[in-house]
Amino acid sequence: MYGERLNQLDLRFSRRFSVGGGRVVPQVDLYNLFNSNAVYRQSNTYGGAWQRPTRVLLGRLIKFGVHVDF
């Protein structure tokens, strides 16, 4: 018996800008965009804890960053 399929969508948006003699690349990362809460790991030991989730996907996460080359 298998659990649900794990579906997660991660996206990254970035744009390169030339500034003087270097480059600046601002970034926005979006993790688990559709906020899926599928079971990532479950207990497969027979007994009272059989198929009890021990780990689920984390909620949405957004991360900002900048990459600078000079």
PDB file of N, CA and C in Angstrom:
ATOM      1  N   MET A   1       0.845  -1.163   0.000  1.00  0.00           N
ATOM      2  CA  MET A   1       0.000   0.000   0.000  1.00  0.00           C
ATOM      3  C   MET A   1       0.898   1.236   0.000  1.00  0.00           C
ATOM      4  N   TYR A   2       0.604   2.153  -0.892  1.00  0.00           N
ATOM      5  CA  TYR A   2       1.387   3.368  -1.023  1.00  0.00           C
ATOM      6  C   TYR A   2       0.562   4.573  -0.610  1.00  0.00           C
ATOM      7  N   GLY A   3       1.224   5.611  -0.163  1.00  0.00           N
ATOM      8  CA  GLY A   3       0.557   6.860   0.192  1.00  0.00           C
ATOM      9  C   GLY A   3       0.324   7.706  -1.047  1.00  0.00           C
ATOM     10  N   GLU A   4      -0.141   8.940  -0.817  1.00  0.00           N
ATOM     11  CA  GLU A   4      -0.392   9.864  -1.920  1.00  0.00           C
ATOM     12  C   GLU A   4       0.895  10.214  -2.655  1.00  0.00           C
ATOM     13  N   ARG A   5       0.737  10.620  -3.895  1.00  0.00           N
ATOM     14  CA  ARG A   5       1.878  11.095  -4.678  1.00  0.00           C
ATOM     15  C   ARG A   5       2.293  12.466  -4.156  1.00  0.00           C
ATOM     16  N   LEU A   6       3.574  12.695  -4.113  1.00  0.00           N
ATOM     17  CA  LEU A   6       4.127  13.956  -3.625  1.00  0.00           C
ATOM     18  C   LEU A   6       4.189  14.955  -4.775  1.00  0.00           C
ATOM     19  N   ASN A   7       3.467  16.058  -4.672  1.00  0.00           N
ATOM     20  CA  ASN A   7       3.463  17.110  -5.684  1.00  0.00           C
ATOM     21  C   ASN A   7       3.859  18.418  -5.036  1.00  0.00           C
ATOM     22  N   GLN A   8       4.910  19.028  -5.578  1.00  0.00           N
ATOM     23  CA  GLN A   8       5.370  20.306  -5.070  1.00  0.00           C
ATOM     24  C   GLN A   8       5.884  21.120  -6.242  1.00  0.00           C
ATOM     25  N   LEU A   9       5.517  22.398  -6.292  1.00  0.00           N
ATOM     26  CA  LEU A   9       5.966  23.275  -7.365  1.00  0.00           C
ATOM     27  C   LEU A   9       6.830  24.386  -6.777  1.00  0.00           C
ATOM     28  N   ASP A  10       8.080  24.470  -7.256  1.00  0.00           N
ATOM     29  CA  ASP A  10       9.013  25.513  -6.844  1.00  0.00           C
ATOM     30  C   ASP A  10       9.327  26.367  -8.069  1.00  0.00           C
ATOM     31  N   LEU A  11       9.346  27.688  -7.894  1.00  0.00           N
ATOM     32  CA  LEU A  11       9.638  28.608  -8.995  1.00  0.00           C
ATOM     33  C   LEU A  11      10.717  29.595  -8.597  1.00  0.00           C
ATOM     34  N   ARG A  12      11.477  30.048  -9.595  1.00  0.00           N
ATOM     35  CA  ARG A  12      12.460  31.109  -9.380  1.00  0.00           C
ATOM     36  C   ARG A  12      12.286  32.138 -10.487  1.00  0.00           C
ATOM     37  N   PHE A  13      12.207  33.413 -10.082  1.00  0.00           N
ATOM     38  CA  PHE A  13      12.158  34.530 -11.009  1.00  0.00           C
ATOM     39  C   PHE A  13      13.427  35.346 -10.802  1.00  0.00           C
ATOM     40  N   SER A  14      14.103  35.666 -11.908  1.00  0.00           N
ATOM     41  CA  SER A  14      15.305  36.489 -11.806  1.00  0.00           C
ATOM     42  C   SER A  14      15.451  37.320 -13.076  1.00  0.00           C
ATOM     43  N   ARG A  15      16.210  38.384 -12.950  1.00  0.00           N
ATOM     44  CA  ARG A  15      16.450  39.274 -14.089  1.00  0.00           C
ATOM     45  C   ARG A  15      17.845  39.831 -13.951  1.00  0.00           C
ATOM     46  N   ARG A  16      18.595  39.832 -15.044  1.00  0.00           N
ATOM     47  CA  ARG A  16      19.968  40.296 -15.048  1.00  0.00           C
ATOM     48  C   ARG A  16      20.022  41.760 -15.476  1.00  0.00           C
ATOM     49  N   PHE A  17      20.727  42.577 -14.701  1.00  0.00           N
ATOM     50  CA  PHE A  17      20.935  43.984 -15.013  1.00  0.00           C
ATOM     51  C   PHE A  17      22.428  44.250 -15.082  1.00  0.00           C
ATOM     52  N   SER A  18      22.848  45.017 -16.084  1.00  0.00           N
ATOM     53  CA  SER A  18      24.250  45.441 -16.185  1.00  0.00           C
ATOM     54  C   SER A  18      24.388  46.798 -15.507  1.00  0.00           C
ATOM     55  N   VAL A  19      25.315  46.883 -14.574  1.00  0.00           N
ATOM     56  CA  VAL A  19      25.543  48.119 -13.833  1.00  0.00           C
ATOM     57  C   VAL A  19      27.041  48.404 -13.873  1.00  0.00           C
ATOM     58  N   GLY A  20      27.417  49.474 -14.564  1.00  0.00           N
ATOM     59  CA  GLY A  20      28.843  49.791 -14.688  1.00  0.00           C
ATOM     60  C   GLY A  20      29.562  48.654 -15.400  1.00  0.00           C
ATOM     61  N   GLY A  21      30.578  48.095 -14.767  1.00  0.00           N
ATOM     62  CA  GLY A  21      31.316  46.978 -15.348  1.00  0.00           C
ATOM     63  C   GLY A  21      30.883  45.631 -14.799  1.00  0.00           C
ATOM     64  N   GLY A  22      29.802  45.584 -14.036  1.00  0.00           N
ATOM     65  CA  GLY A  22      29.377  44.327 -13.416  1.00  0.00           C
ATOM     66  C   GLY A  22      27.933  43.989 -13.719  1.00  0.00           C
ATOM     67  N   ARG A  23      27.453  42.967 -13.028  1.00  0.00           N
ATOM     68  CA  ARG A  23      26.075  42.508 -13.187  1.00  0.00           C
ATOM     69  C   ARG A  23      25.413  42.374 -11.827  1.00  0.00           C
ATOM     70  N   VAL A  24      24.128  42.656 -11.789  1.00  0.00           N
ATOM     71  CA  VAL A  24      23.307  42.467 -10.598  1.00  0.00           C
ATOM     72  C   VAL A  24      22.122  41.611 -11.013  1.00  0.00           C
ATOM     73  N   VAL A  25      21.875  40.539 -10.271  1.00  0.00           N
ATOM     74  CA  VAL A  25      20.778  39.629 -10.595  1.00  0.00           C
ATOM     75  C   VAL A  25      19.883  39.472  -9.359  1.00  0.00           C
ATOM     76  N   PRO A  26      18.787  40.240  -9.257  1.00  0.00           N
ATOM     77  CA  PRO A  26      17.837  40.025  -8.165  1.00  0.00           C
ATOM     78  C   PRO A  26      17.026  38.749  -8.428  1.00  0.00           C
ATOM     79  N   GLN A  27      16.669  38.030  -7.343  1.00  0.00           N
ATOM     80  CA  GLN A  27      15.967  36.758  -7.461  1.00  0.00           C
ATOM     81  C   GLN A  27      14.822  36.685  -6.458  1.00  0.00           C
ATOM     82  N   VAL A  28      13.759  35.989  -6.840  1.00  0.00           N
ATOM     83  CA  VAL A  28      12.665  35.654  -5.939  1.00  0.00           C
ATOM     84  C   VAL A  28      12.407  34.168  -6.107  1.00  0.00           C
ATOM     85  N   ASP A  29      12.521  33.395  -5.029  1.00  0.00           N
ATOM     86  CA  ASP A  29      12.265  31.958  -5.042  1.00  0.00           C
ATOM     87  C   ASP A  29      10.966  31.672  -4.309  1.00  0.00           C
ATOM     88  N   LEU A  30      10.100  30.873  -4.915  1.00  0.00           N
ATOM     89  CA  LEU A  30       8.833  30.456  -4.305  1.00  0.00           C
ATOM     90  C   LEU A  30       8.853  28.944  -4.167  1.00  0.00           C
ATOM     91  N   TYR A  31       8.714  28.444  -2.948  1.00  0.00           N
ATOM     92  CA  TYR A  31       8.732  27.016  -2.686  1.00  0.00           C
ATOM     93  C   TYR A  31       7.337  26.552  -2.279  1.00  0.00           C
ATOM     94  N   ASN A  32       6.937  25.381  -2.757  1.00  0.00           N
ATOM     95  CA  ASN A  32       5.628  24.784  -2.471  1.00  0.00           C
ATOM     96  C   ASN A  32       4.514  25.788  -2.773  1.00  0.00           C
ATOM     97  N   LEU A  33       4.499  26.269  -4.003  1.00  0.00           N
ATOM     98  CA  LEU A  33       3.627  27.359  -4.421  1.00  0.00           C
ATOM     99  C   LEU A  33       2.149  27.090  -4.147  1.00  0.00           C
ATOM    100  N   PHE A  34       1.680  25.873  -4.382  1.00  0.00           N
ATOM    101  CA  PHE A  34       0.259  25.570  -4.195  1.00  0.00           C
ATOM    102  C   PHE A  34      -0.058  25.073  -2.796  1.00  0.00           C
ATOM    103  N   ASN A  35       0.917  25.148  -1.874  1.00  0.00           N
ATOM    104  CA  ASN A  35       0.741  24.815  -0.461  1.00  0.00           C
ATOM    105  C   ASN A  35       0.196  23.407  -0.245  1.00  0.00           C
ATOM    106  N   SER A  36       0.757  22.454  -0.953  1.00  0.00           N
ATOM    107  CA  SER A  36       0.379  21.050  -0.777  1.00  0.00           C
ATOM    108  C   SER A  36       0.819  20.588   0.608  1.00  0.00           C
ATOM    109  N   ASN A  37       0.026  19.766   1.259  1.00  0.00           N
ATOM    110  CA  ASN A  37       0.408  19.233   2.572  1.00  0.00           C
ATOM    111  C   ASN A  37       0.427  17.705   2.526  1.00  0.00           C
ATOM    112  N   ALA A  38       0.944  17.163   1.432  1.00  0.00           N
ATOM    113  CA  ALA A  38       1.017  15.710   1.270  1.00  0.00           C
ATOM    114  C   ALA A  38       1.942  15.104   2.318  1.00  0.00           C
ATOM    115  N   VAL A  39       1.692  13.850   2.646  1.00  0.00           N
ATOM    116  CA  VAL A  39       2.512  13.131   3.618  1.00  0.00           C
ATOM    117  C   VAL A  39       3.850  12.789   2.965  1.00  0.00           C
ATOM    118  N   TYR A  40       4.916  13.208   3.600  1.00  0.00           N
ATOM    119  CA  TYR A  40       6.266  12.990   3.088  1.00  0.00           C
ATOM    120  C   TYR A  40       6.832  11.676   3.610  1.00  0.00           C
ATOM    121  N   ARG A  41       6.506  11.339   4.847  1.00  0.00           N
ATOM    122  CA  ARG A  41       6.969  10.093   5.463  1.00  0.00           C
ATOM    123  C   ARG A  41       5.896   9.608   6.423  1.00  0.00           C
ATOM    124  N   GLN A  42       5.697   8.286   6.482  1.00  0.00           N
ATOM    125  CA  GLN A  42       4.694   7.728   7.385  1.00  0.00           C
ATOM    126  C   GLN A  42       5.233   6.476   8.052  1.00  0.00           C
ATOM    127  N   SER A  43       4.639   6.113   9.168  1.00  0.00           N
ATOM    128  CA  SER A  43       5.032   4.919   9.902  1.00  0.00           C
ATOM    129  C   SER A  43       4.387   3.708   9.242  1.00  0.00           C
ATOM    130  N   ASN A  44       5.200   2.729   8.833  1.00  0.00           N
ATOM    131  CA  ASN A  44       4.682   1.518   8.201  1.00  0.00           C
ATOM    132  C   ASN A  44       4.784   0.306   9.111  1.00  0.00           C
ATOM    133  N   THR A  45       4.963   0.544  10.397  1.00  0.00           N
ATOM    134  CA  THR A  45       5.026  -0.530  11.379  1.00  0.00           C
ATOM    135  C   THR A  45       3.617  -0.877  11.829  1.00  0.00           C
ATOM    136  N   TYR A  46       3.278  -2.174  11.822  1.00  0.00           N
ATOM    137  CA  TYR A  46       1.930  -2.579  12.243  1.00  0.00           C
ATOM    138  C   TYR A  46       1.723  -2.275  13.713  1.00  0.00           C
ATOM    139  N   GLY A  47       0.519  -1.860  14.051  1.00  0.00           N
ATOM    140  CA  GLY A  47       0.176  -1.522  15.420  1.00  0.00           C
ATOM    141  C   GLY A  47      -0.665  -0.266  15.451  1.00  0.00           C
ATOM    142  N   GLY A  48      -0.663   0.402  16.581  1.00  0.00           N
ATOM    143  CA  GLY A  48      -1.488   1.591  16.769  1.00  0.00           C
ATOM    144  C   GLY A  48      -1.045   2.780  15.934  1.00  0.00           C
ATOM    145  N   ALA A  49       0.227   2.809  15.527  1.00  0.00           N
ATOM    146  CA  ALA A  49       0.743   3.936  14.763  1.00  0.00           C
ATOM    147  C   ALA A  49       0.844   3.636  13.273  1.00  0.00           C
ATOM    148  N   TRP A  50       0.187   2.583  12.794  1.00  0.00           N
ATOM    149  CA  TRP A  50       0.294   2.186  11.385  1.00  0.00           C
ATOM    150  C   TRP A  50      -0.243   3.277  10.473  1.00  0.00           C
ATOM    151  N   GLN A  51       0.542   3.675   9.526  1.00  0.00           N
ATOM    152  CA  GLN A  51       0.259   4.721   8.543  1.00  0.00           C
ATOM    153  C   GLN A  51       0.008   6.093   9.166  1.00  0.00           C
ATOM    154  N   ARG A  52       0.556   6.333  10.318  1.00  0.00           N
ATOM    155  CA  ARG A  52       0.473   7.661  10.928  1.00  0.00           C
ATOM    156  C   ARG A  52       1.560   8.541  10.299  1.00  0.00           C
ATOM    157  N   PRO A  53       1.203   9.731   9.826  1.00  0.00           N
ATOM    158  CA  PRO A  53       2.215  10.611   9.226  1.00  0.00           C
ATOM    159  C   PRO A  53       3.260  11.027  10.256  1.00  0.00           C
ATOM    160  N   THR A  54       4.522  10.939   9.862  1.00  0.00           N
ATOM    161  CA  THR A  54       5.595  11.402  10.725  1.00  0.00           C
ATOM    162  C   THR A  54       6.241  12.660  10.159  1.00  0.00           C
ATOM    163  N   ARG A  55       5.937  12.961   8.886  1.00  0.00           N
ATOM    164  CA  ARG A  55       6.470  14.168   8.262  1.00  0.00           C
ATOM    165  C   ARG A  55       5.580  14.573   7.103  1.00  0.00           C
ATOM    166  N   VAL A  56       5.266  15.864   6.992  1.00  0.00           N
ATOM    167  CA  VAL A  56       4.483  16.397   5.879  1.00  0.00           C
ATOM    168  C   VAL A  56       5.274  17.527   5.231  1.00  0.00           C
ATOM    169  N   LEU A  57       4.879  17.909   4.015  1.00  0.00           N
ATOM    170  CA  LEU A  57       5.548  19.017   3.336  1.00  0.00           C
ATOM    171  C   LEU A  57       5.365  20.307   4.118  1.00  0.00           C
ATOM    172  N   LEU A  58       6.390  21.119   4.128  1.00  0.00           N
ATOM    173  CA  LEU A  58       6.300  22.414   4.791  1.00  0.00           C
ATOM    174  C   LEU A  58       5.398  23.346   4.006  1.00  0.00           C
ATOM    175  N   GLY A  59       4.919  24.391   4.639  1.00  0.00           N
ATOM    176  CA  GLY A  59       4.048  25.362   3.988  1.00  0.00           C
ATOM    177  C   GLY A  59       4.790  26.206   2.964  1.00  0.00           C
ATOM    178  N   ARG A  60       4.112  27.177   2.422  1.00  0.00           N
ATOM    179  CA  ARG A  60       4.734  28.060   1.432  1.00  0.00           C
ATOM    180  C   ARG A  60       5.929  28.784   2.019  1.00  0.00           C
ATOM    181  N   LEU A  61       6.892  29.051   1.147  1.00  0.00           N
ATOM    182  CA  LEU A  61       8.084  29.775   1.562  1.00  0.00           C
ATOM    183  C   LEU A  61       8.502  30.682   0.412  1.00  0.00           C
ATOM    184  N   ILE A  62       8.850  31.914   0.722  1.00  0.00           N
ATOM    185  CA  ILE A  62       9.339  32.849  -0.290  1.00  0.00           C
ATOM    186  C   ILE A  62      10.704  33.352   0.177  1.00  0.00           C
ATOM    187  N   LYS A  63      11.626  33.431  -0.776  1.00  0.00           N
ATOM    188  CA  LYS A  63      12.985  33.844  -0.445  1.00  0.00           C
ATOM    189  C   LYS A  63      13.453  34.867  -1.475  1.00  0.00           C
ATOM    190  N   PHE A  64      14.044  35.954  -1.009  1.00  0.00           N
ATOM    191  CA  PHE A  64      14.572  36.996  -1.866  1.00  0.00           C
ATOM    192  C   PHE A  64      16.093  36.948  -1.819  1.00  0.00           C
ATOM    193  N   GLY A  65      16.717  37.234  -2.955  1.00  0.00           N
ATOM    194  CA  GLY A  65      18.169  37.238  -2.984  1.00  0.00           C
ATOM    195  C   GLY A  65      18.694  38.124  -4.095  1.00  0.00           C
ATOM    196  N   VAL A  66      19.996  38.421  -4.006  1.00  0.00           N
ATOM    197  CA  VAL A  66      20.660  39.231  -5.020  1.00  0.00           C
ATOM    198  C   VAL A  66      22.035  38.607  -5.272  1.00  0.00           C
ATOM    199  N   HIS A  67      22.356  38.438  -6.541  1.00  0.00           N
ATOM    200  CA  HIS A  67      23.678  37.937  -6.938  1.00  0.00           C
ATOM    201  C   HIS A  67      24.396  39.096  -7.625  1.00  0.00           C
ATOM    202  N   VAL A  68      25.594  39.419  -7.145  1.00  0.00           N
ATOM    203  CA  VAL A  68      26.337  40.561  -7.680  1.00  0.00           C
ATOM    204  C   VAL A  68      27.687  40.071  -8.204  1.00  0.00           C
ATOM    205  N   ASP A  69      27.984  40.387  -9.484  1.00  0.00           N
ATOM    206  CA  ASP A  69      29.294  40.125 -10.094  1.00  0.00           C
ATOM    207  C   ASP A  69      29.931  41.461 -10.437  1.00  0.00           C
ATOM    208  N   PHE A  70      31.204  41.620 -10.069  1.00  0.00           N
ATOM    209  CA  PHE A  70      31.881  42.874 -10.411  1.00  0.00           C
ATOM    210  C   PHE A  70      33.310  42.595 -10.806  1.00  0.00           C
TER     211      PHE A  70
END
